[in-house]
């Protein structure tokens, strides 16, 4: 049994308020959940309105499957963020 944990660091340049930040993060979370059947959550508080951290987790018996899945999730997150006026500044993938 393997667990994959992908951390996405977002830079939301278009955000002018906490409301704008929440809209981008909520859209990203909802679309990733619907497209990939993964668990998604915002990891940090709302200290900065133009930055956010999002965690994506999935469990499988195949580590290779999880590696491919998380690469697809990262690519989709980059596209979704770019469409919302944000950038994926960094991404970290860990296996447990």
N, C-alpha and C. Protein backbone atom coordinates (compact mmCIF):
# COMPACT_ATOMS: atom_id res chain seq x y z
N UNK A 1 0.84 -1.18 0.00
CA UNK A 1 0.00 0.00 0.00
C UNK A 1 0.89 1.24 0.00
N UNK A 2 0.62 2.15 -0.89
CA UNK A 2 1.40 3.38 -0.99
C UNK A 2 0.47 4.59 -0.90
N UNK A 3 1.00 5.66 -0.34
CA UNK A 3 0.28 6.93 -0.23
C UNK A 3 1.12 8.00 -0.91
N UNK A 4 0.50 8.74 -1.82
CA UNK A 4 1.18 9.84 -2.50
C UNK A 4 0.63 11.15 -1.96
N UNK A 5 1.53 12.08 -1.64
CA UNK A 5 1.15 13.39 -1.12
C UNK A 5 1.82 14.46 -1.97
N UNK A 6 1.02 15.22 -2.71
CA UNK A 6 1.52 16.28 -3.58
C UNK A 6 1.17 17.62 -2.94
N UNK A 7 2.19 18.46 -2.75
CA UNK A 7 1.99 19.80 -2.22
C UNK A 7 2.20 20.80 -3.35
N UNK A 8 1.22 21.66 -3.56
CA UNK A 8 1.28 22.69 -4.59
C UNK A 8 1.34 24.05 -3.93
N UNK A 9 2.35 24.82 -4.26
CA UNK A 9 2.49 26.20 -3.76
C UNK A 9 1.99 27.13 -4.87
N UNK A 10 0.95 27.88 -4.58
CA UNK A 10 0.34 28.76 -5.58
C UNK A 10 0.71 30.21 -5.32
N UNK A 11 0.95 30.92 -6.40
CA UNK A 11 1.12 32.38 -6.35
C UNK A 11 -0.05 32.94 -7.15
N UNK A 12 -0.92 33.67 -6.47
CA UNK A 12 -2.15 34.17 -7.09
C UNK A 12 -1.99 35.67 -7.33
N UNK A 13 -1.39 36.01 -8.43
CA UNK A 13 -1.08 37.41 -8.72
C UNK A 13 -2.34 38.23 -8.95
N UNK A 14 -3.39 37.62 -9.50
CA UNK A 14 -4.61 38.36 -9.80
C UNK A 14 -5.45 38.65 -8.57
N UNK A 15 -5.15 38.04 -7.44
CA UNK A 15 -5.96 38.22 -6.24
C UNK A 15 -5.74 39.61 -5.64
N UNK A 16 -6.83 40.29 -5.41
CA UNK A 16 -6.79 41.60 -4.78
C UNK A 16 -7.39 41.57 -3.37
N UNK A 17 -7.90 40.39 -2.99
CA UNK A 17 -8.52 40.26 -1.67
C UNK A 17 -8.54 38.79 -1.28
N UNK A 18 -8.93 38.52 -0.05
CA UNK A 18 -9.08 37.15 0.43
C UNK A 18 -10.17 36.44 -0.37
N UNK A 19 -11.20 37.17 -0.75
CA UNK A 19 -12.28 36.58 -1.54
C UNK A 19 -11.77 36.07 -2.89
N UNK A 20 -10.92 36.84 -3.54
CA UNK A 20 -10.33 36.41 -4.81
C UNK A 20 -9.47 35.16 -4.62
N UNK A 21 -8.72 35.13 -3.53
CA UNK A 21 -7.86 33.98 -3.21
C UNK A 21 -8.71 32.74 -3.01
N UNK A 22 -9.78 32.85 -2.22
CA UNK A 22 -10.66 31.72 -1.94
C UNK A 22 -11.31 31.19 -3.21
N UNK A 23 -11.67 32.08 -4.12
CA UNK A 23 -12.31 31.67 -5.37
C UNK A 23 -11.36 30.82 -6.21
N UNK A 24 -10.11 31.21 -6.31
CA UNK A 24 -9.12 30.46 -7.09
C UNK A 24 -8.87 29.10 -6.44
N UNK A 25 -8.66 29.09 -5.13
CA UNK A 25 -8.36 27.85 -4.42
C UNK A 25 -9.56 26.90 -4.48
N UNK A 26 -10.76 27.40 -4.26
CA UNK A 26 -11.96 26.56 -4.30
C UNK A 26 -12.15 25.95 -5.69
N UNK A 27 -11.95 26.74 -6.73
CA UNK A 27 -12.09 26.24 -8.09
C UNK A 27 -11.07 25.13 -8.37
N UNK A 28 -9.83 25.35 -7.95
CA UNK A 28 -8.78 24.35 -8.16
C UNK A 28 -9.13 23.06 -7.42
N UNK A 29 -9.50 23.16 -6.17
CA UNK A 29 -9.84 21.98 -5.36
C UNK A 29 -11.01 21.21 -5.98
N UNK A 30 -12.06 21.89 -6.34
CA UNK A 30 -13.24 21.23 -6.89
C UNK A 30 -12.94 20.52 -8.21
N UNK A 31 -12.19 21.17 -9.07
CA UNK A 31 -11.90 20.57 -10.38
C UNK A 31 -10.95 19.39 -10.27
N UNK A 32 -9.97 19.45 -9.36
CA UNK A 32 -9.08 18.31 -9.17
C UNK A 32 -9.82 17.12 -8.58
N UNK A 33 -10.69 17.37 -7.61
CA UNK A 33 -11.48 16.29 -7.01
C UNK A 33 -12.35 15.61 -8.07
N UNK A 34 -13.02 16.40 -8.88
CA UNK A 34 -13.93 15.85 -9.88
C UNK A 34 -13.19 15.10 -10.99
N UNK A 35 -12.05 15.59 -11.38
CA UNK A 35 -11.33 15.00 -12.51
C UNK A 35 -10.53 13.76 -12.13
N UNK A 36 -9.97 13.72 -10.92
CA UNK A 36 -9.02 12.67 -10.57
C UNK A 36 -9.43 11.81 -9.38
N UNK A 37 -10.53 12.10 -8.72
CA UNK A 37 -10.97 11.35 -7.55
C UNK A 37 -9.87 11.26 -6.50
N UNK A 38 -9.33 12.42 -6.14
CA UNK A 38 -8.28 12.52 -5.12
C UNK A 38 -8.80 13.40 -3.99
N UNK A 39 -8.14 13.34 -2.85
CA UNK A 39 -8.47 14.22 -1.73
C UNK A 39 -7.64 15.48 -1.85
N UNK A 40 -8.28 16.62 -1.71
CA UNK A 40 -7.61 17.92 -1.87
C UNK A 40 -8.00 18.82 -0.71
N UNK A 41 -7.01 19.51 -0.14
CA UNK A 41 -7.28 20.44 0.95
C UNK A 41 -6.29 21.59 0.92
N UNK A 42 -6.74 22.75 1.39
CA UNK A 42 -5.84 23.88 1.56
C UNK A 42 -5.04 23.64 2.83
N UNK A 43 -3.73 23.84 2.77
CA UNK A 43 -2.86 23.47 3.87
C UNK A 43 -2.55 24.59 4.85
N UNK A 44 -2.46 25.80 4.38
CA UNK A 44 -2.07 26.88 5.29
C UNK A 44 -3.24 27.82 5.51
N UNK A 45 -3.07 28.70 6.46
CA UNK A 45 -4.07 29.71 6.72
C UNK A 45 -4.05 30.79 5.67
N UNK A 46 -4.85 31.79 5.87
CA UNK A 46 -4.99 32.86 4.88
C UNK A 46 -4.18 34.09 5.29
N UNK A 47 -2.92 33.88 5.68
CA UNK A 47 -2.10 35.03 6.09
C UNK A 47 -1.82 35.97 4.92
N UNK A 48 -1.52 35.41 3.77
CA UNK A 48 -1.25 36.22 2.58
C UNK A 48 -2.33 35.95 1.53
N UNK A 49 -2.93 36.98 0.99
CA UNK A 49 -4.00 36.79 0.03
C UNK A 49 -3.50 36.42 -1.35
N UNK A 50 -2.19 36.54 -1.62
CA UNK A 50 -1.69 36.19 -2.95
C UNK A 50 -0.88 34.89 -2.96
N UNK A 51 -0.91 34.12 -1.88
CA UNK A 51 -0.22 32.83 -1.79
C UNK A 51 -1.15 31.80 -1.16
N UNK A 52 -0.97 30.54 -1.60
CA UNK A 52 -1.76 29.45 -1.02
C UNK A 52 -0.99 28.15 -1.19
N UNK A 53 -1.21 27.22 -0.27
CA UNK A 53 -0.67 25.87 -0.37
C UNK A 53 -1.83 24.89 -0.40
N UNK A 54 -1.76 23.97 -1.35
CA UNK A 54 -2.82 22.98 -1.51
C UNK A 54 -2.18 21.60 -1.47
N UNK A 55 -2.79 20.69 -0.73
CA UNK A 55 -2.31 19.32 -0.64
C UNK A 55 -3.25 18.37 -1.37
N UNK A 56 -2.66 17.43 -2.12
CA UNK A 56 -3.43 16.43 -2.86
C UNK A 56 -2.92 15.06 -2.42
N UNK A 57 -3.85 14.17 -2.04
CA UNK A 57 -3.47 12.85 -1.53
C UNK A 57 -4.27 11.76 -2.24
N UNK A 58 -3.58 10.64 -2.49
CA UNK A 58 -4.23 9.46 -3.04
C UNK A 58 -3.55 8.21 -2.50
N UNK A 59 -4.30 7.11 -2.45
CA UNK A 59 -3.79 5.84 -1.94
C UNK A 59 -4.01 4.77 -3.00
N UNK A 60 -3.01 3.92 -3.19
CA UNK A 60 -3.12 2.82 -4.14
C UNK A 60 -2.14 1.72 -3.76
N UNK A 61 -2.35 0.55 -4.33
CA UNK A 61 -1.39 -0.54 -4.10
C UNK A 61 -0.19 -0.42 -5.03
N UNK A 62 -0.28 0.44 -6.05
CA UNK A 62 0.80 0.59 -7.03
C UNK A 62 1.44 1.98 -6.94
N UNK A 63 2.70 2.00 -6.60
CA UNK A 63 3.42 3.28 -6.53
C UNK A 63 3.57 3.90 -7.93
N UNK A 64 3.76 3.07 -8.95
CA UNK A 64 3.87 3.58 -10.32
C UNK A 64 2.58 4.28 -10.76
N UNK A 65 1.45 3.69 -10.40
CA UNK A 65 0.16 4.32 -10.72
C UNK A 65 0.06 5.69 -10.05
N UNK A 66 0.43 5.75 -8.77
CA UNK A 66 0.36 7.01 -8.03
C UNK A 66 1.29 8.06 -8.62
N UNK A 67 2.47 7.65 -9.05
CA UNK A 67 3.42 8.59 -9.64
C UNK A 67 2.83 9.21 -10.91
N UNK A 68 2.25 8.38 -11.77
CA UNK A 68 1.62 8.89 -12.98
C UNK A 68 0.42 9.76 -12.69
N UNK A 69 -0.40 9.34 -11.72
CA UNK A 69 -1.57 10.11 -11.34
C UNK A 69 -1.18 11.50 -10.85
N UNK A 70 -0.18 11.56 -9.97
CA UNK A 70 0.21 12.86 -9.42
C UNK A 70 0.87 13.76 -10.46
N UNK A 71 1.55 13.19 -11.44
CA UNK A 71 2.07 14.01 -12.54
C UNK A 71 0.93 14.61 -13.35
N UNK A 72 -0.12 13.81 -13.57
CA UNK A 72 -1.29 14.33 -14.28
C UNK A 72 -2.02 15.39 -13.45
N UNK A 73 -2.10 15.18 -12.16
CA UNK A 73 -2.73 16.16 -11.26
C UNK A 73 -1.95 17.48 -11.30
N UNK A 74 -0.63 17.38 -11.24
CA UNK A 74 0.20 18.59 -11.27
C UNK A 74 0.02 19.35 -12.58
N UNK A 75 -0.02 18.64 -13.70
CA UNK A 75 -0.23 19.28 -15.00
C UNK A 75 -1.60 19.97 -15.06
N UNK A 76 -2.62 19.26 -14.59
CA UNK A 76 -3.97 19.84 -14.59
C UNK A 76 -4.05 21.04 -13.66
N UNK A 77 -3.41 20.95 -12.49
CA UNK A 77 -3.42 22.07 -11.54
C UNK A 77 -2.75 23.30 -12.15
N UNK A 78 -1.69 23.08 -12.89
CA UNK A 78 -1.01 24.20 -13.55
C UNK A 78 -1.93 24.86 -14.57
N UNK A 79 -2.63 24.06 -15.37
CA UNK A 79 -3.57 24.61 -16.36
C UNK A 79 -4.71 25.35 -15.67
N UNK A 80 -5.29 24.74 -14.65
CA UNK A 80 -6.42 25.36 -13.95
C UNK A 80 -5.98 26.68 -13.30
N UNK A 81 -4.84 26.66 -12.63
CA UNK A 81 -4.33 27.87 -11.97
C UNK A 81 -4.08 28.98 -12.99
N UNK A 82 -3.46 28.64 -14.12
CA UNK A 82 -3.19 29.64 -15.14
C UNK A 82 -4.47 30.27 -15.67
N UNK A 83 -5.52 29.46 -15.82
CA UNK A 83 -6.81 29.99 -16.29
C UNK A 83 -7.46 30.90 -15.25
N UNK A 84 -7.09 30.75 -13.98
CA UNK A 84 -7.65 31.56 -12.90
C UNK A 84 -6.77 32.76 -12.56
N UNK A 85 -5.66 32.97 -13.28
CA UNK A 85 -4.78 34.09 -13.00
C UNK A 85 -3.76 33.79 -11.91
N UNK A 86 -3.41 32.51 -11.74
CA UNK A 86 -2.44 32.10 -10.72
C UNK A 86 -1.36 31.24 -11.36
N UNK A 87 -0.31 30.99 -10.61
CA UNK A 87 0.79 30.12 -11.06
C UNK A 87 1.09 29.10 -9.98
N UNK A 88 1.47 27.89 -10.41
CA UNK A 88 1.99 26.90 -9.47
C UNK A 88 3.47 27.22 -9.33
N UNK A 89 3.83 27.83 -8.22
CA UNK A 89 5.21 28.27 -8.01
C UNK A 89 6.12 27.08 -7.74
N UNK A 90 5.61 26.06 -7.04
CA UNK A 90 6.42 24.90 -6.70
C UNK A 90 5.51 23.72 -6.41
N UNK A 91 6.05 22.52 -6.59
CA UNK A 91 5.29 21.30 -6.31
C UNK A 91 6.24 20.28 -5.70
N UNK A 92 5.79 19.60 -4.65
CA UNK A 92 6.58 18.58 -3.97
C UNK A 92 5.76 17.29 -3.94
N UNK A 93 6.37 16.19 -4.31
CA UNK A 93 5.70 14.89 -4.28
C UNK A 93 6.43 13.99 -3.29
N UNK A 94 5.66 13.42 -2.35
CA UNK A 94 6.22 12.51 -1.35
C UNK A 94 5.42 11.22 -1.37
N UNK A 95 6.09 10.11 -1.09
CA UNK A 95 5.44 8.81 -0.97
C UNK A 95 5.67 8.27 0.45
N UNK A 96 4.62 7.66 0.96
CA UNK A 96 4.70 7.04 2.30
C UNK A 96 4.29 5.60 2.19
